[in-house]
């Protein structure tokens, strides 16, 4: 039986600017997110937003309210590796995160020369790992004890990636309601 909570409402994808900072901070500080989503200070976000090394993308509901964001690092990597530093969505478990990430992938492969889109996530974050696998990501390994949590614990990171040929094989924009990469 299909998940009746999955939303197929269309949305827009655009590059974020300084005016989106408050919404980005709120999204990455959602209840319970501290266990799964990294956090940056407002100053760190402002610095990354101003840097050519980072691309921020936001998903906007029809009313223009940001419901998700992604931070990409190294869009001009000479080896064609584009890194997803962070992604967060306001209501996990409703399908919005998968649709948003599908649109981010479409944007990334249409707007950059990336050959490989890669990420890491906490190994115990099974919801995220399943969502990435559903989009065609492969499991590339584990970085053991690579993340030092604020409480001093060491956490393992799962490495995952999707290459341009794999993205092309899955068919770009295949998630229901996904905007075109050139959507406003």
N, C-alpha and C. Protein backbone atom coordinates (compact mmCIF):
# COMPACT_ATOMS: atom_id res chain seq x y z
N UNK A 1 0.85 -1.18 0.00
CA UNK A 1 0.00 0.00 0.00
C UNK A 1 0.89 1.24 0.00
N UNK A 2 0.56 2.22 -0.81
CA UNK A 2 1.34 3.45 -0.90
C UNK A 2 1.20 4.27 0.37
N UNK A 3 2.23 5.00 0.68
CA UNK A 3 2.22 5.87 1.85
C UNK A 3 1.31 7.05 1.57
N UNK A 4 0.20 7.15 2.26
CA UNK A 4 -0.77 8.22 2.01
C UNK A 4 -0.25 9.58 2.45
N UNK A 5 0.84 9.60 3.21
CA UNK A 5 1.38 10.88 3.67
C UNK A 5 2.32 11.50 2.65
N UNK A 6 2.66 10.80 1.59
CA UNK A 6 3.60 11.34 0.61
C UNK A 6 2.95 12.49 -0.13
N UNK A 7 3.63 13.62 -0.14
CA UNK A 7 3.13 14.82 -0.80
C UNK A 7 3.70 14.91 -2.21
N UNK A 8 2.83 15.20 -3.17
CA UNK A 8 3.27 15.38 -4.55
C UNK A 8 3.05 16.82 -5.00
N UNK A 9 2.92 17.73 -4.06
CA UNK A 9 2.72 19.13 -4.38
C UNK A 9 3.95 19.68 -5.09
N UNK A 10 3.75 20.35 -6.22
CA UNK A 10 4.89 20.94 -6.92
C UNK A 10 5.59 21.99 -6.06
N UNK A 11 6.85 22.19 -6.35
CA UNK A 11 7.62 23.19 -5.63
C UNK A 11 8.64 23.79 -6.58
N UNK A 12 9.23 24.89 -6.16
CA UNK A 12 10.28 25.55 -6.94
C UNK A 12 11.62 25.30 -6.27
N UNK A 13 12.65 25.25 -7.08
CA UNK A 13 14.03 25.10 -6.59
C UNK A 13 14.80 26.31 -7.08
N UNK A 14 15.52 26.95 -6.17
CA UNK A 14 16.36 28.08 -6.57
C UNK A 14 17.58 28.17 -5.68
N UNK A 15 18.56 28.95 -6.16
CA UNK A 15 19.74 29.22 -5.33
C UNK A 15 19.32 30.10 -4.17
N UNK A 16 19.90 29.82 -3.03
CA UNK A 16 19.58 30.60 -1.83
C UNK A 16 20.44 31.86 -1.78
N UNK A 17 19.96 32.82 -1.05
CA UNK A 17 20.70 34.05 -0.81
C UNK A 17 20.67 34.40 0.67
N UNK A 18 21.26 35.52 1.01
CA UNK A 18 21.32 35.95 2.41
C UNK A 18 19.95 36.08 3.05
N UNK A 19 18.93 36.40 2.27
CA UNK A 19 17.59 36.53 2.79
C UNK A 19 16.97 35.21 3.23
N UNK A 20 17.60 34.10 2.87
CA UNK A 20 17.11 32.77 3.26
C UNK A 20 17.76 32.24 4.53
N UNK A 21 18.70 32.99 5.07
CA UNK A 21 19.49 32.50 6.20
C UNK A 21 18.64 32.11 7.40
N UNK A 22 17.66 32.92 7.75
CA UNK A 22 16.81 32.62 8.91
C UNK A 22 16.07 31.29 8.71
N UNK A 23 15.54 31.06 7.51
CA UNK A 23 14.82 29.81 7.23
C UNK A 23 15.78 28.61 7.25
N UNK A 24 16.98 28.80 6.73
CA UNK A 24 17.99 27.71 6.72
C UNK A 24 18.35 27.33 8.16
N UNK A 25 18.59 28.33 8.99
CA UNK A 25 18.92 28.06 10.39
C UNK A 25 17.77 27.32 11.08
N UNK A 26 16.54 27.72 10.82
CA UNK A 26 15.38 27.07 11.44
C UNK A 26 15.26 25.62 10.96
N UNK A 27 15.47 25.39 9.67
CA UNK A 27 15.36 24.03 9.13
C UNK A 27 16.38 23.09 9.74
N UNK A 28 17.63 23.52 9.86
CA UNK A 28 18.65 22.60 10.38
C UNK A 28 18.58 22.45 11.89
N UNK A 29 17.74 23.23 12.52
CA UNK A 29 17.55 23.13 13.97
C UNK A 29 16.19 22.56 14.33
N UNK A 30 15.56 21.84 13.39
CA UNK A 30 14.26 21.23 13.65
C UNK A 30 14.33 20.26 14.82
N UNK A 31 13.18 20.00 15.45
CA UNK A 31 13.16 19.09 16.60
C UNK A 31 13.70 17.71 16.22
N UNK A 32 14.66 17.21 17.00
CA UNK A 32 15.24 15.90 16.78
C UNK A 32 16.32 15.85 15.71
N UNK A 33 16.57 16.95 15.01
CA UNK A 33 17.54 16.96 13.92
C UNK A 33 18.98 16.89 14.39
N UNK A 34 19.23 17.28 15.63
CA UNK A 34 20.62 17.33 16.10
C UNK A 34 21.33 15.99 15.98
N UNK A 35 20.56 14.90 15.98
CA UNK A 35 21.17 13.57 15.87
C UNK A 35 21.53 13.23 14.42
N UNK A 36 20.97 13.96 13.44
CA UNK A 36 21.15 13.59 12.04
C UNK A 36 21.68 14.69 11.12
N UNK A 37 21.48 15.94 11.49
CA UNK A 37 21.84 17.05 10.61
C UNK A 37 22.86 17.94 11.30
N UNK A 38 23.97 18.19 10.60
CA UNK A 38 24.97 19.09 11.14
C UNK A 38 24.42 20.50 11.28
N UNK A 39 25.09 21.30 12.05
CA UNK A 39 24.65 22.68 12.26
C UNK A 39 25.83 23.62 12.09
N UNK A 40 25.53 24.76 11.53
CA UNK A 40 26.51 25.83 11.40
C UNK A 40 25.93 27.08 12.03
N UNK A 41 26.79 27.96 12.48
CA UNK A 41 26.32 29.22 13.04
C UNK A 41 25.87 30.13 11.90
N UNK A 42 25.15 31.18 12.24
CA UNK A 42 24.72 32.15 11.22
C UNK A 42 25.94 32.73 10.51
N UNK A 43 27.01 33.00 11.24
CA UNK A 43 28.23 33.55 10.63
C UNK A 43 28.87 32.55 9.67
N UNK A 44 28.88 31.26 10.05
CA UNK A 44 29.45 30.23 9.16
C UNK A 44 28.62 30.10 7.88
N UNK A 45 27.29 30.12 8.03
CA UNK A 45 26.43 30.06 6.84
C UNK A 45 26.66 31.28 5.94
N UNK A 46 26.73 32.46 6.55
CA UNK A 46 26.94 33.68 5.75
C UNK A 46 28.25 33.60 4.97
N UNK A 47 29.28 33.07 5.61
CA UNK A 47 30.58 32.92 4.95
C UNK A 47 30.49 31.93 3.79
N UNK A 48 29.80 30.81 4.01
CA UNK A 48 29.67 29.81 2.93
C UNK A 48 28.79 30.34 1.80
N UNK A 49 27.71 31.06 2.14
CA UNK A 49 26.84 31.63 1.12
C UNK A 49 27.61 32.59 0.21
N UNK A 50 28.59 33.29 0.77
CA UNK A 50 29.37 34.27 0.01
C UNK A 50 30.52 33.63 -0.78
N UNK A 51 30.82 32.39 -0.50
CA UNK A 51 31.96 31.71 -1.11
C UNK A 51 31.58 31.03 -2.44
N UNK A 52 32.49 31.08 -3.41
CA UNK A 52 32.27 30.37 -4.68
C UNK A 52 32.43 28.86 -4.50
N UNK A 53 32.95 28.46 -3.37
CA UNK A 53 33.16 27.04 -3.09
C UNK A 53 31.88 26.30 -2.70
N UNK A 54 30.83 27.06 -2.39
CA UNK A 54 29.57 26.47 -1.93
C UNK A 54 28.40 26.96 -2.77
N UNK A 55 27.41 26.09 -2.93
CA UNK A 55 26.14 26.44 -3.56
C UNK A 55 25.04 26.04 -2.58
N UNK A 56 24.18 26.98 -2.26
CA UNK A 56 23.02 26.71 -1.43
C UNK A 56 21.79 26.68 -2.33
N UNK A 57 20.96 25.67 -2.18
CA UNK A 57 19.71 25.57 -2.91
C UNK A 57 18.58 25.45 -1.90
N UNK A 58 17.44 26.08 -2.21
CA UNK A 58 16.26 25.97 -1.35
C UNK A 58 15.09 25.47 -2.18
N UNK A 59 14.25 24.69 -1.53
CA UNK A 59 12.98 24.25 -2.10
C UNK A 59 11.90 25.15 -1.53
N UNK A 60 11.07 25.70 -2.41
CA UNK A 60 10.03 26.64 -2.00
C UNK A 60 8.65 26.06 -2.27
N UNK A 61 7.78 26.15 -1.26
CA UNK A 61 6.39 25.78 -1.44
C UNK A 61 5.73 26.81 -2.35
N UNK A 62 4.51 26.54 -2.78
CA UNK A 62 3.80 27.45 -3.68
C UNK A 62 3.70 28.87 -3.11
N UNK A 63 3.58 28.98 -1.80
CA UNK A 63 3.47 30.30 -1.17
C UNK A 63 4.84 30.99 -1.05
N UNK A 64 5.91 30.32 -1.49
CA UNK A 64 7.24 30.92 -1.44
C UNK A 64 8.02 30.63 -0.17
N UNK A 65 7.46 29.83 0.73
CA UNK A 65 8.14 29.50 1.99
C UNK A 65 9.13 28.38 1.77
N UNK A 66 10.40 28.57 2.21
CA UNK A 66 11.38 27.48 2.10
C UNK A 66 10.98 26.30 2.99
N UNK A 67 10.98 25.09 2.41
CA UNK A 67 10.68 23.89 3.19
C UNK A 67 11.89 22.95 3.25
N UNK A 68 12.94 23.25 2.47
CA UNK A 68 14.13 22.41 2.44
C UNK A 68 15.31 23.22 1.93
N UNK A 69 16.51 22.77 2.29
CA UNK A 69 17.71 23.38 1.74
C UNK A 69 18.79 22.32 1.59
N UNK A 70 19.74 22.62 0.70
CA UNK A 70 20.90 21.76 0.50
C UNK A 70 22.12 22.66 0.35
N UNK A 71 23.24 22.18 0.86
CA UNK A 71 24.52 22.86 0.68
C UNK A 71 25.42 21.93 -0.13
N UNK A 72 25.87 22.42 -1.28
CA UNK A 72 26.79 21.66 -2.13
C UNK A 72 28.16 22.31 -2.02
N UNK A 73 29.21 21.49 -2.02
CA UNK A 73 30.57 22.01 -1.92
C UNK A 73 31.38 21.59 -3.15
N UNK A 74 32.20 22.49 -3.60
CA UNK A 74 33.15 22.27 -4.70
C UNK A 74 32.48 22.05 -6.06
N UNK A 75 31.63 22.99 -6.49
CA UNK A 75 30.99 22.82 -7.80
C UNK A 75 31.98 22.84 -8.97
N UNK A 76 33.16 23.37 -8.75
CA UNK A 76 34.18 23.43 -9.80
C UNK A 76 35.34 22.49 -9.53
N UNK A 77 35.10 21.41 -8.79
CA UNK A 77 36.15 20.45 -8.49
C UNK A 77 36.77 19.94 -9.79
N UNK A 78 38.10 20.00 -9.93
CA UNK A 78 38.74 19.60 -11.19
C UNK A 78 38.56 18.11 -11.52
N UNK A 79 38.19 17.32 -10.53
CA UNK A 79 38.00 15.88 -10.75
C UNK A 79 36.52 15.53 -10.95
N UNK A 80 35.66 16.55 -10.90
CA UNK A 80 34.23 16.32 -11.14
C UNK A 80 33.48 15.73 -9.97
N UNK A 81 33.96 15.97 -8.74
CA UNK A 81 33.29 15.45 -7.55
C UNK A 81 32.55 16.59 -6.86
N UNK A 82 31.24 16.48 -6.75
CA UNK A 82 30.40 17.47 -6.08
C UNK A 82 29.89 16.85 -4.79
N UNK A 83 30.13 17.54 -3.68
CA UNK A 83 29.83 17.00 -2.35
C UNK A 83 28.58 17.64 -1.77
N UNK A 84 27.64 16.82 -1.30
CA UNK A 84 26.47 17.29 -0.57
C UNK A 84 26.87 17.42 0.89
N UNK A 85 27.08 18.64 1.31
CA UNK A 85 27.51 18.89 2.69
C UNK A 85 26.35 18.72 3.68
N UNK A 86 25.17 19.19 3.27
CA UNK A 86 24.03 19.12 4.19
C UNK A 86 22.74 19.20 3.40
N UNK A 87 21.73 18.52 3.90
CA UNK A 87 20.38 18.64 3.35
C UNK A 87 19.42 18.50 4.52
N UNK A 88 18.37 19.31 4.51
CA UNK A 88 17.35 19.23 5.56
C UNK A 88 16.00 19.61 4.96
N UNK A 89 14.97 18.96 5.46
CA UNK A 89 13.60 19.21 5.02
C UNK A 89 12.74 19.39 6.27
N UNK A 90 11.70 20.20 6.15
CA UNK A 90 10.91 20.53 7.34
C UNK A 90 10.08 19.39 7.90
N UNK A 91 9.56 18.50 7.06
CA UNK A 91 8.71 17.41 7.55
C UNK A 91 9.19 16.09 6.99
N UNK A 92 10.18 15.48 7.62
CA UNK A 92 10.68 14.19 7.12
C UNK A 92 9.60 13.12 7.17
N UNK A 93 9.73 12.15 6.28
CA UNK A 93 8.81 11.04 6.26
C UNK A 93 7.60 11.25 5.37
N UNK A 94 7.52 12.38 4.68
CA UNK A 94 6.39 12.66 3.80
C UNK A 94 6.77 12.60 2.33
N UNK A 95 8.01 12.23 2.02
CA UNK A 95 8.44 12.15 0.63
C UNK A 95 8.99 13.44 0.08
N UNK A 96 8.87 14.52 0.83
CA UNK A 96 9.35 15.82 0.34
C UNK A 96 10.87 15.85 0.23
N UNK A 97 11.57 15.20 1.14
CA UNK A 97 13.02 15.20 1.10
C UNK A 97 13.56 14.49 -0.13
N UNK A 98 12.97 13.35 -0.48
CA UNK A 98 13.39 12.61 -1.67
C UNK A 98 13.12 13.40 -2.94
N UNK A 99 11.95 14.03 -3.01
CA UNK A 99 11.63 14.85 -4.18
C UNK A 99 12.56 16.05 -4.27
N UNK A 100 12.86 16.66 -3.13
CA UNK A 100 13.77 17.80 -3.12
C UNK A 100 15.16 17.37 -3.57
N UNK A 101 15.67 16.27 -3.01
CA UNK A 101 17.00 15.83 -3.39
C UNK A 101 17.05 15.42 -4.86
N UNK A 102 15.99 14.84 -5.38
CA UNK A 102 15.94 14.52 -6.80
C UNK A 102 16.09 15.79 -7.64
N UNK A 103 15.42 16.85 -7.23
CA UNK A 103 15.54 18.13 -7.94
C UNK A 103 16.95 18.71 -7.80
N UNK A 104 17.56 18.55 -6.63
CA UNK A 104 18.94 19.01 -6.42
C UNK A 104 19.88 18.25 -7.35
N UNK A 105 19.69 16.94 -7.46
CA UNK A 105 20.52 16.15 -8.37
C UNK A 105 20.34 16.63 -9.81
N UNK A 106 19.10 16.86 -10.22
CA UNK A 106 18.85 17.35 -11.58
C UNK A 106 19.57 18.69 -11.80
N UNK A 107 19.47 19.57 -10.83
CA UNK A 107 20.15 20.87 -10.93
C UNK A 107 21.66 20.65 -11.03
N UNK A 108 22.20 19.83 -10.14
CA UNK A 108 23.65 19.63 -10.07
C UNK A 108 24.21 19.10 -11.39
N UNK A 109 23.55 18.11 -11.96
CA UNK A 109 24.08 17.53 -13.20
C UNK A 109 23.78 18.39 -14.42
N UNK A 110 22.78 19.27 -14.34
CA UNK A 110 22.48 20.18 -15.45
C UNK A 110 23.33 21.44 -15.39
N UNK A 111 23.65 21.90 -14.20
CA UNK A 111 24.31 23.21 -14.04
C UNK A 111 25.80 23.14 -13.74
N UNK A 112 26.33 21.96 -13.48
CA UNK A 112 27.76 21.82 -13.20
C UNK A 112 28.33 20.73 -14.11
N UNK A 113 29.62 20.61 -14.10
CA UNK A 113 30.28 19.56 -14.88
C UNK A 113 30.54 18.32 -14.02
N UNK A 114 29.89 18.24 -12.88
CA UNK A 114 30.12 17.12 -11.96
C UNK A 114 29.93 15.78 -12.65
N UNK A 115 30.83 14.87 -12.36
CA UNK A 115 30.70 13.48 -12.80
C UNK A 115 30.15 12.63 -11.65
N UNK A 116 30.49 13.02 -10.42
CA UNK A 116 30.14 12.22 -9.24
C UNK A 116 29.57 13.13 -8.17
N UNK A 117 28.38 12.80 -7.68
CA UNK A 117 27.71 13.53 -6.60
C UNK A 117 27.81 12.63 -5.38
N UNK A 118 28.50 13.08 -4.34
CA UNK A 118 28.71 12.20 -3.19
C UNK A 118 28.33 12.87 -1.88
N UNK A 119 28.16 12.04 -0.88
CA UNK A 119 27.74 12.51 0.44
C UNK A 119 28.19 11.53 1.49
N UNK A 120 28.05 11.96 2.73
CA UNK A 120 28.19 11.03 3.85
C UNK A 120 27.05 11.31 4.81
N UNK A 121 26.67 10.28 5.55
CA UNK A 121 25.64 10.43 6.56
C UNK A 121 25.97 9.46 7.70
N UNK A 122 25.38 9.70 8.83
CA UNK A 122 25.62 8.80 9.96
C UNK A 122 25.12 7.40 9.61
N UNK A 123 25.91 6.38 9.90
CA UNK A 123 25.54 5.02 9.51
C UNK A 123 24.20 4.59 10.10
N UNK A 124 23.83 5.11 11.25
CA UNK A 124 22.57 4.70 11.87
C UNK A 124 21.36 5.47 11.32
N UNK A 125 21.59 6.42 10.42
CA UNK A 125 20.49 7.20 9.84
C UNK A 125 19.89 6.42 8.66
N UNK A 126 19.13 5.38 8.99
CA UNK A 126 18.59 4.49 7.97
C UNK A 126 17.56 5.17 7.07
N UNK A 127 16.80 6.11 7.60
CA UNK A 127 15.82 6.81 6.76
C UNK A 127 16.53 7.53 5.63
N UNK A 128 17.61 8.24 5.94
CA UNK A 128 18.37 8.96 4.91
C UNK A 128 19.02 7.98 3.94
N UNK A 129 19.64 6.94 4.47
CA UNK A 129 20.32 5.98 3.59
C UNK A 129 19.35 5.33 2.62
N UNK A 130 18.16 4.98 3.08
CA UNK A 130 17.15 4.38 2.19
C UNK A 130 16.68 5.39 1.15
N UNK A 131 16.54 6.64 1.55
CA UNK A 131 16.12 7.67 0.59
C UNK A 131 17.19 7.85 -0.49
N UNK A 132 18.47 7.85 -0.10
CA UNK A 132 19.55 7.99 -1.07
C UNK A 132 19.60 6.77 -2.01
N UNK A 133 19.45 5.59 -1.45
CA UNK A 133 19.45 4.37 -2.27
C UNK A 133 18.30 4.39 -3.27
N UNK A 134 17.15 4.88 -2.85
CA UNK A 134 15.98 4.97 -3.73
C UNK A 134 16.26 5.87 -4.93
N UNK A 135 17.14 6.85 -4.75
CA UNK A 135 17.51 7.76 -5.83
C UNK A 135 18.66 7.22 -6.68
N UNK A 136 19.16 6.03 -6.33
CA UNK A 136 20.21 5.41 -7.13
C UNK A 136 21.61 5.50 -6.56
N UNK A 137 21.77 6.06 -5.37
CA UNK A 137 23.09 6.15 -4.75
C UNK A 137 23.60 4.76 -4.39
N UNK A 138 24.91 4.58 -4.54
CA UNK A 138 25.56 3.35 -4.11
C UNK A 138 26.21 3.59 -2.75
N UNK A 139 26.36 2.51 -2.00
CA UNK A 139 27.07 2.57 -0.73
C UNK A 139 28.56 2.35 -1.04
N UNK A 140 29.38 3.37 -0.79
CA UNK A 140 30.79 3.31 -1.17
C UNK A 140 31.74 2.97 -0.02
N UNK A 141 31.22 2.82 1.18
CA UNK A 141 32.08 2.47 2.30
C UNK A 141 31.70 3.19 3.58
N UNK A 142 32.54 3.04 4.59
CA UNK A 142 32.31 3.65 5.89
C UNK A 142 33.59 4.34 6.35
N UNK A 143 33.44 5.55 6.83
CA UNK A 143 34.54 6.25 7.50
C UNK A 143 34.35 6.01 8.99
N UNK A 144 35.15 5.14 9.54
CA UNK A 144 35.00 4.75 10.94
C UNK A 144 35.46 5.87 11.86
N UNK A 145 34.59 6.18 12.84
CA UNK A 145 34.87 7.18 13.88
C UNK A 145 35.37 8.50 13.29
N UNK A 146 34.79 8.92 12.17
CA UNK A 146 35.26 10.10 11.45
C UNK A 146 34.63 11.40 11.93
N UNK A 147 33.52 11.33 12.64
CA UNK A 147 32.81 12.53 13.06
C UNK A 147 32.87 12.67 14.57
N UNK A 148 33.34 13.80 15.03
CA UNK A 148 33.39 14.08 16.47
C UNK A 148 32.13 14.86 16.83
N UNK A 149 31.22 14.21 17.54
CA UNK A 149 29.96 14.84 17.92
C UNK A 149 30.20 15.87 19.02
N UNK A 150 29.28 16.83 19.15
CA UNK A 150 29.42 17.85 20.20
C UNK A 150 29.58 17.27 21.61
N UNK A 151 29.02 16.06 21.84
CA UNK A 151 29.13 15.45 23.16
C UNK A 151 30.44 14.67 23.34
N UNK A 152 31.33 14.70 22.33
CA UNK A 152 32.62 14.04 22.42
C UNK A 152 32.66 12.62 21.88
N UNK A 153 31.48 12.06 21.52
CA UNK A 153 31.44 10.71 20.95
C UNK A 153 31.96 10.73 19.51
N UNK A 154 32.54 9.63 19.10
CA UNK A 154 32.97 9.44 17.71
C UNK A 154 31.87 8.67 16.98
N UNK A 155 31.53 9.12 15.76
CA UNK A 155 30.46 8.48 14.99
C UNK A 155 30.99 8.07 13.62
N UNK A 156 30.49 6.93 13.13
CA UNK A 156 30.85 6.44 11.80
C UNK A 156 29.99 7.13 10.75
N UNK A 157 30.59 7.35 9.57
CA UNK A 157 29.88 7.95 8.45
C UNK A 157 29.81 6.96 7.29
N UNK A 158 28.62 6.79 6.72
CA UNK A 158 28.43 5.98 5.52
C UNK A 158 28.70 6.87 4.32
N UNK A 159 29.51 6.38 3.38
CA UNK A 159 29.81 7.11 2.15
C UNK A 159 28.89 6.60 1.05
N UNK A 160 28.28 7.54 0.32
CA UNK A 160 27.37 7.18 -0.76
C UNK A 160 27.63 8.09 -1.94
N UNK A 161 27.36 7.59 -3.16
CA UNK A 161 27.61 8.40 -4.35
C UNK A 161 26.69 7.99 -5.49
N UNK A 162 26.51 8.94 -6.41
CA UNK A 162 25.77 8.74 -7.65
C UNK A 162 26.57 9.40 -8.76
N UNK A 163 26.85 8.67 -9.83
CA UNK A 163 27.61 9.24 -10.94
C UNK A 163 26.65 9.77 -12.01
N UNK A 164 27.18 10.63 -12.86
CA UNK A 164 26.37 11.19 -13.95
C UNK A 164 25.74 10.08 -14.81
N UNK A 165 26.49 9.05 -15.24
CA UNK A 165 25.84 7.99 -16.02
C UNK A 165 24.71 7.29 -15.25
N UNK A 166 24.87 7.11 -13.95
CA UNK A 166 23.81 6.50 -13.15
C UNK A 166 22.59 7.41 -13.08
N UNK A 167 22.83 8.72 -12.92
CA UNK A 167 21.74 9.70 -12.90
C UNK A 167 21.02 9.70 -14.24
N UNK A 168 21.77 9.67 -15.33
CA UNK A 168 21.16 9.65 -16.66
C UNK A 168 20.33 8.38 -16.86
N UNK A 169 20.82 7.26 -16.35
CA UNK A 169 20.11 5.99 -16.51
C UNK A 169 18.79 5.99 -15.74
N UNK A 170 18.74 6.68 -14.59
CA UNK A 170 17.50 6.70 -13.81
C UNK A 170 16.47 7.63 -14.42
N UNK A 171 16.91 8.54 -15.30
CA UNK A 171 16.00 9.50 -15.91
C UNK A 171 15.87 10.72 -15.04
N UNK A 172 16.38 11.84 -15.46
CA UNK A 172 16.33 13.06 -14.65
C UNK A 172 14.90 13.50 -14.44
N UNK A 173 14.68 14.11 -13.28
CA UNK A 173 13.36 14.65 -12.95
C UNK A 173 12.30 13.59 -12.79
N UNK A 174 12.70 12.37 -12.39
CA UNK A 174 11.76 11.27 -12.37
C UNK A 174 10.86 11.24 -11.15
N UNK A 175 11.18 11.99 -10.12
CA UNK A 175 10.32 11.99 -8.93
C UNK A 175 9.06 12.80 -9.20
N UNK A 176 7.88 12.31 -8.80
CA UNK A 176 6.63 13.04 -9.04
C UNK A 176 6.71 14.44 -8.46
N UNK A 177 6.32 15.42 -9.23
CA UNK A 177 6.28 16.80 -8.76
C UNK A 177 7.62 17.50 -8.77
N UNK A 178 8.68 16.85 -9.25
CA UNK A 178 9.98 17.49 -9.26
C UNK A 178 10.00 18.63 -10.26
N UNK A 179 10.55 19.76 -9.87
CA UNK A 179 10.65 20.86 -10.81
C UNK A 179 11.76 20.64 -11.80
N UNK A 180 11.72 21.33 -12.92
CA UNK A 180 12.83 21.29 -13.85
C UNK A 180 13.99 22.03 -13.20
N UNK A 181 15.24 21.68 -13.57
CA UNK A 181 16.40 22.32 -12.96
C UNK A 181 16.42 23.83 -13.16
N UNK A 182 15.74 24.33 -14.19
CA UNK A 182 15.76 25.78 -14.42
C UNK A 182 14.56 26.47 -13.80
N UNK A 183 13.81 25.78 -12.93
CA UNK A 183 12.67 26.40 -12.28
C UNK A 183 13.14 27.56 -11.42
N UNK A 184 12.29 28.57 -11.28
CA UNK A 184 12.71 29.76 -10.50
C UNK A 184 12.99 29.46 -9.06
